[in-house]
Amino acid sequence: MVLVRLIDLLVMGVKVLGGRTRVNPVFRFGLWVAVLSTLAAGVAVLGFLLVLLQQYLDDMA
């Protein structure tokens, strides 16, 4: 049941970001900032993990 609620929130968020649901433009902008910040943080974590993997593999050789 929790998964259904999470999917429902995701669908509502996509509708807001896509412009299908009329909301305050400040809210839409803030939601875009949150999505892009999360994406940037994910890319940063992936890069950090790749650097750790490279260091680990260099130490093995």
PDB file of N, CA and C in Angstrom:
ATOM      1  N   MET A   1       0.821  -1.183   0.000  1.00  0.00           N
ATOM      2  CA  MET A   1       0.000   0.000   0.000  1.00  0.00           C
ATOM      3  C   MET A   1       0.875   1.259   0.000  1.00  0.00           C
ATOM      4  N   VAL A   2       2.004   1.191   0.682  1.00  0.00           N
ATOM      5  CA  VAL A   2       2.916   2.324   0.719  1.00  0.00           C
ATOM      6  C   VAL A   2       3.493   2.570  -0.677  1.00  0.00           C
ATOM      7  N   LEU A   3       3.777   1.495  -1.394  1.00  0.00           N
ATOM      8  CA  LEU A   3       4.313   1.629  -2.749  1.00  0.00           C
ATOM      9  C   LEU A   3       3.312   2.319  -3.666  1.00  0.00           C
ATOM     10  N   VAL A   4       2.039   2.020  -3.507  1.00  0.00           N
ATOM     11  CA  VAL A   4       1.004   2.672  -4.309  1.00  0.00           C
ATOM     12  C   VAL A   4       0.983   4.165  -4.031  1.00  0.00           C
ATOM     13  N   ARG A   5       1.109   4.553  -2.767  1.00  0.00           N
ATOM     14  CA  ARG A   5       1.121   5.972  -2.408  1.00  0.00           C
ATOM     15  C   ARG A   5       2.356   6.673  -2.986  1.00  0.00           C
ATOM     16  N   LEU A   6       3.514   6.001  -2.954  1.00  0.00           N
ATOM     17  CA  LEU A   6       4.724   6.586  -3.508  1.00  0.00           C
ATOM     18  C   LEU A   6       4.609   6.787  -5.019  1.00  0.00           C
ATOM     19  N   ILE A   7       4.036   5.807  -5.691  1.00  0.00           N
ATOM     20  CA  ILE A   7       3.835   5.927  -7.132  1.00  0.00           C
ATOM     21  C   ILE A   7       2.858   7.051  -7.430  1.00  0.00           C
ATOM     22  N   ASP A   8       1.822   7.191  -6.623  1.00  0.00           N
ATOM     23  CA  ASP A   8       0.852   8.264  -6.803  1.00  0.00           C
ATOM     24  C   ASP A   8       1.521   9.631  -6.634  1.00  0.00           C
ATOM     25  N   LEU A   9       2.376   9.773  -5.633  1.00  0.00           N
ATOM     26  CA  LEU A   9       3.107  11.029  -5.441  1.00  0.00           C
ATOM     27  C   LEU A   9       4.040  11.316  -6.612  1.00  0.00           C
ATOM     28  N   LEU A  10       4.675  10.280  -7.132  1.00  0.00           N
ATOM     29  CA  LEU A  10       5.557  10.452  -8.278  1.00  0.00           C
ATOM     30  C   LEU A  10       4.784  10.928  -9.499  1.00  0.00           C
ATOM     31  N   VAL A  11       3.630  10.342  -9.734  1.00  0.00           N
ATOM     32  CA  VAL A  11       2.799  10.745 -10.869  1.00  0.00           C
ATOM     33  C   VAL A  11       2.336  12.186 -10.710  1.00  0.00           C
ATOM     34  N   MET A  12       1.939  12.559  -9.502  1.00  0.00           N
ATOM     35  CA  MET A  12       1.521  13.942  -9.266  1.00  0.00           C
ATOM     36  C   MET A  12       2.685  14.904  -9.493  1.00  0.00           C
ATOM     37  N   GLY A  13       3.864  14.531  -9.062  1.00  0.00           N
ATOM     38  CA  GLY A  13       5.047  15.369  -9.267  1.00  0.00           C
ATOM     39  C   GLY A  13       5.381  15.550 -10.738  1.00  0.00           C
ATOM     40  N   VAL A  14       5.250  14.479 -11.508  1.00  0.00           N
ATOM     41  CA  VAL A  14       5.517  14.564 -12.943  1.00  0.00           C
ATOM     42  C   VAL A  14       4.492  15.467 -13.615  1.00  0.00           C
ATOM     43  N   LYS A  15       3.241  15.378 -13.186  1.00  0.00           N
ATOM     44  CA  LYS A  15       2.210  16.253 -13.750  1.00  0.00           C
ATOM     45  C   LYS A  15       2.505  17.718 -13.438  1.00  0.00           C
ATOM     46  N   VAL A  16       2.985  17.996 -12.240  1.00  0.00           N
ATOM     47  CA  VAL A  16       3.313  19.382 -11.869  1.00  0.00           C
ATOM     48  C   VAL A  16       4.494  19.870 -12.688  1.00  0.00           C
ATOM     49  N   LEU A  17       5.531  19.047 -12.796  1.00  0.00           N
ATOM     50  CA  LEU A  17       6.719  19.445 -13.551  1.00  0.00           C
ATOM     51  C   LEU A  17       6.408  19.622 -15.029  1.00  0.00           C
ATOM     52  N   GLY A  18       5.517  18.804 -15.549  1.00  0.00           N
ATOM     53  CA  GLY A  18       5.173  18.865 -16.960  1.00  0.00           C
ATOM     54  C   GLY A  18       4.195  19.975 -17.300  1.00  0.00           C
ATOM     55  N   GLY A  19       3.594  20.598 -16.314  1.00  0.00           N
ATOM     56  CA  GLY A  19       2.674  21.692 -16.571  1.00  0.00           C
ATOM     57  C   GLY A  19       1.229  21.280 -16.735  1.00  0.00           C
ATOM     58  N   ARG A  20       0.915  20.015 -16.515  1.00  0.00           N
ATOM     59  CA  ARG A  20      -0.469  19.563 -16.655  1.00  0.00           C
ATOM     60  C   ARG A  20      -1.338  19.986 -15.481  1.00  0.00           C
ATOM     61  N   THR A  21      -0.718  20.163 -14.318  1.00  0.00           N
ATOM     62  CA  THR A  21      -1.434  20.604 -13.123  1.00  0.00           C
ATOM     63  C   THR A  21      -1.063  22.059 -12.858  1.00  0.00           C
ATOM     64  N   ARG A  22      -2.071  22.903 -12.679  1.00  0.00           N
ATOM     65  CA  ARG A  22      -1.822  24.320 -12.431  1.00  0.00           C
ATOM     66  C   ARG A  22      -1.467  24.518 -10.963  1.00  0.00           C
ATOM     67  N   VAL A  23      -0.237  24.998 -10.763  1.00  0.00           N
ATOM     68  CA  VAL A  23       0.237  25.315  -9.414  1.00  0.00           C
ATOM     69  C   VAL A  23       0.964  26.650  -9.465  1.00  0.00           C
ATOM     70  N   ASN A  24       1.329  27.139  -8.304  1.00  0.00           N
ATOM     71  CA  ASN A  24       2.102  28.361  -8.205  1.00  0.00           C
ATOM     72  C   ASN A  24       3.435  28.178  -8.936  1.00  0.00           C
ATOM     73  N   PRO A  25       3.816  29.154  -9.785  1.00  0.00           N
ATOM     74  CA  PRO A  25       5.088  29.011 -10.518  1.00  0.00           C
ATOM     75  C   PRO A  25       6.305  28.896  -9.600  1.00  0.00           C
ATOM     76  N   VAL A  26       6.248  29.499  -8.428  1.00  0.00           N
ATOM     77  CA  VAL A  26       7.370  29.389  -7.492  1.00  0.00           C
ATOM     78  C   VAL A  26       7.510  27.944  -7.014  1.00  0.00           C
ATOM     79  N   PHE A  27       6.374  27.294  -6.782  1.00  0.00           N
ATOM     80  CA  PHE A  27       6.401  25.888  -6.364  1.00  0.00           C
ATOM     81  C   PHE A  27       6.981  25.013  -7.472  1.00  0.00           C
ATOM     82  N   ARG A  28       6.562  25.261  -8.722  1.00  0.00           N
ATOM     83  CA  ARG A  28       7.077  24.476  -9.852  1.00  0.00           C
ATOM     84  C   ARG A  28       8.586  24.687  -9.991  1.00  0.00           C
ATOM     85  N   PHE A  29       9.044  25.942  -9.870  1.00  0.00           N
ATOM     86  CA  PHE A  29      10.476  26.232  -9.956  1.00  0.00           C
ATOM     87  C   PHE A  29      11.241  25.528  -8.836  1.00  0.00           C
ATOM     88  N   GLY A  30      10.702  25.577  -7.633  1.00  0.00           N
ATOM     89  CA  GLY A  30      11.349  24.906  -6.503  1.00  0.00           C
ATOM     90  C   GLY A  30      11.424  23.399  -6.694  1.00  0.00           C
ATOM     91  N   LEU A  31      10.381  22.839  -7.274  1.00  0.00           N
ATOM     92  CA  LEU A  31      10.388  21.399  -7.539  1.00  0.00           C
ATOM     93  C   LEU A  31      11.433  21.048  -8.587  1.00  0.00           C
ATOM     94  N   TRP A  32      11.581  21.882  -9.623  1.00  0.00           N
ATOM     95  CA  TRP A  32      12.622  21.649 -10.618  1.00  0.00           C
ATOM     96  C   TRP A  32      14.011  21.751  -9.988  1.00  0.00           C
ATOM     97  N   VAL A  33      14.203  22.729  -9.122  1.00  0.00           N
ATOM     98  CA  VAL A  33      15.492  22.876  -8.445  1.00  0.00           C
ATOM     99  C   VAL A  33      15.797  21.632  -7.607  1.00  0.00           C
ATOM    100  N   ALA A  34      14.780  21.121  -6.911  1.00  0.00           N
ATOM    101  CA  ALA A  34      14.979  19.926  -6.087  1.00  0.00           C
ATOM    102  C   ALA A  34      15.333  18.712  -6.948  1.00  0.00           C
ATOM    103  N   VAL A  35      14.660  18.552  -8.074  1.00  0.00           N
ATOM    104  CA  VAL A  35      14.930  17.411  -8.959  1.00  0.00           C
ATOM    105  C   VAL A  35      16.343  17.510  -9.536  1.00  0.00           C
ATOM    106  N   LEU A  36      16.713  18.697 -10.013  1.00  0.00           N
ATOM    107  CA  LEU A  36      18.040  18.859 -10.601  1.00  0.00           C
ATOM    108  C   LEU A  36      19.150  18.738  -9.556  1.00  0.00           C
ATOM    109  N   SER A  37      18.897  19.192  -8.333  1.00  0.00           N
ATOM    110  CA  SER A  37      19.884  19.039  -7.261  1.00  0.00           C
ATOM    111  C   SER A  37      20.085  17.576  -6.903  1.00  0.00           C
ATOM    112  N   THR A  38      19.000  16.833  -6.881  1.00  0.00           N
ATOM    113  CA  THR A  38      19.100  15.399  -6.604  1.00  0.00           C
ATOM    114  C   THR A  38      19.871  14.679  -7.707  1.00  0.00           C
ATOM    115  N   LEU A  39      19.618  15.075  -8.940  1.00  0.00           N
ATOM    116  CA  LEU A  39      20.345  14.488 -10.064  1.00  0.00           C
ATOM    117  C   LEU A  39      21.838  14.811  -9.979  1.00  0.00           C
ATOM    118  N   ALA A  40      22.170  16.052  -9.660  1.00  0.00           N
ATOM    119  CA  ALA A  40      23.573  16.450  -9.532  1.00  0.00           C
ATOM    120  C   ALA A  40      24.259  15.705  -8.383  1.00  0.00           C
ATOM    121  N   ALA A  41      23.547  15.530  -7.277  1.00  0.00           N
ATOM    122  CA  ALA A  41      24.122  14.792  -6.148  1.00  0.00           C
ATOM    123  C   ALA A  41      24.368  13.332  -6.532  1.00  0.00           C
ATOM    124  N   GLY A  42      23.468  12.747  -7.297  1.00  0.00           N
ATOM    125  CA  GLY A  42      23.652  11.365  -7.756  1.00  0.00           C
ATOM    126  C   GLY A  42      24.860  11.222  -8.656  1.00  0.00           C
ATOM    127  N   VAL A  43      25.049  12.185  -9.555  1.00  0.00           N
ATOM    128  CA  VAL A  43      26.216  12.153 -10.441  1.00  0.00           C
ATOM    129  C   VAL A  43      27.500  12.319  -9.631  1.00  0.00           C
ATOM    130  N   ALA A  44      27.475  13.183  -8.624  1.00  0.00           N
ATOM    131  CA  ALA A  44      28.656  13.389  -7.782  1.00  0.00           C
ATOM    132  C   ALA A  44      28.996  12.115  -7.004  1.00  0.00           C
ATOM    133  N   VAL A  45      27.999  11.448  -6.476  1.00  0.00           N
ATOM    134  CA  VAL A  45      28.241  10.198  -5.739  1.00  0.00           C
ATOM    135  C   VAL A  45      28.782   9.125  -6.676  1.00  0.00           C
ATOM    136  N   LEU A  46      28.239   9.044  -7.875  1.00  0.00           N
ATOM    137  CA  LEU A  46      28.731   8.073  -8.850  1.00  0.00           C
ATOM    138  C   LEU A  46      30.194   8.350  -9.197  1.00  0.00           C
ATOM    139  N   GLY A  47      30.547   9.609  -9.399  1.00  0.00           N
ATOM    140  CA  GLY A  47      31.933   9.958  -9.678  1.00  0.00           C
ATOM    141  C   GLY A  47      32.849   9.621  -8.527  1.00  0.00           C
ATOM    142  N   PHE A  48      32.387   9.895  -7.301  1.00  0.00           N
ATOM    143  CA  PHE A  48      33.191   9.563  -6.120  1.00  0.00           C
ATOM    144  C   PHE A  48      33.415   8.054  -6.017  1.00  0.00           C
ATOM    145  N   LEU A  49      32.382   7.283  -6.277  1.00  0.00           N
ATOM    146  CA  LEU A  49      32.527   5.823  -6.223  1.00  0.00           C
ATOM    147  C   LEU A  49      33.464   5.310  -7.310  1.00  0.00           C
ATOM    148  N   LEU A  50      33.433   5.941  -8.479  1.00  0.00           N
ATOM    149  CA  LEU A  50      34.362   5.532  -9.535  1.00  0.00           C
ATOM    150  C   LEU A  50      35.805   5.838  -9.155  1.00  0.00           C
ATOM    151  N   VAL A  51      36.037   6.965  -8.497  1.00  0.00           N
ATOM    152  CA  VAL A  51      37.392   7.294  -8.029  1.00  0.00           C
ATOM    153  C   VAL A  51      37.838   6.284  -6.984  1.00  0.00           C
ATOM    154  N   LEU A  52      36.947   5.927  -6.062  1.00  0.00           N
ATOM    155  CA  LEU A  52      37.306   4.904  -5.066  1.00  0.00           C
ATOM    156  C   LEU A  52      37.611   3.565  -5.722  1.00  0.00           C
ATOM    157  N   LEU A  53      36.837   3.192  -6.735  1.00  0.00           N
ATOM    158  CA  LEU A  53      37.084   1.939  -7.444  1.00  0.00           C
ATOM    159  C   LEU A  53      38.431   1.974  -8.146  1.00  0.00           C
ATOM    160  N   GLN A  54      38.756   3.093  -8.763  1.00  0.00           N
ATOM    161  CA  GLN A  54      40.045   3.214  -9.437  1.00  0.00           C
ATOM    162  C   GLN A  54      41.195   3.094  -8.438  1.00  0.00           C
ATOM    163  N   GLN A  55      41.076   3.738  -7.291  1.00  0.00           N
ATOM    164  CA  GLN A  55      42.128   3.651  -6.280  1.00  0.00           C
ATOM    165  C   GLN A  55      42.264   2.219  -5.770  1.00  0.00           C
ATOM    166  N   TYR A  56      41.140   1.548  -5.588  1.00  0.00           N
ATOM    167  CA  TYR A  56      41.181   0.165  -5.113  1.00  0.00           C
ATOM    168  C   TYR A  56      41.863  -0.741  -6.137  1.00  0.00           C
ATOM    169  N   LEU A  57      41.515  -0.556  -7.401  1.00  0.00           N
ATOM    170  CA  LEU A  57      42.113  -1.390  -8.437  1.00  0.00           C
ATOM    171  C   LEU A  57      43.595  -1.074  -8.637  1.00  0.00           C
ATOM    172  N   ASP A  58      43.995   0.187  -8.440  1.00  0.00           N
ATOM    173  CA  ASP A  58      45.416   0.542  -8.542  1.00  0.00           C
ATOM    174  C   ASP A  58      46.215  -0.091  -7.407  1.00  0.00           C
ATOM    175  N   ASP A  59      45.621  -0.165  -6.213  1.00  0.00           N
ATOM    176  CA  ASP A  59      46.312  -0.771  -5.078  1.00  0.00           C
ATOM    177  C   ASP A  59      46.493  -2.270  -5.249  1.00  0.00           C
ATOM    178  N   MET A  60      45.597  -2.901  -5.999  1.00  0.00           N
ATOM    179  CA  MET A  60      45.710  -4.337  -6.224  1.00  0.00           C
ATOM    180  C   MET A  60      46.872  -4.668  -7.156  1.00  0.00           C
ATOM    181  N   ALA A  61      47.185  -3.776  -8.054  1.00  0.00           N
ATOM    182  CA  ALA A  61      48.224  -4.072  -9.064  1.00  0.00           C
ATOM    183  C   ALA A  61      49.628  -3.891  -8.524  1.00  0.00           C
TER     184      ALA A  61
END
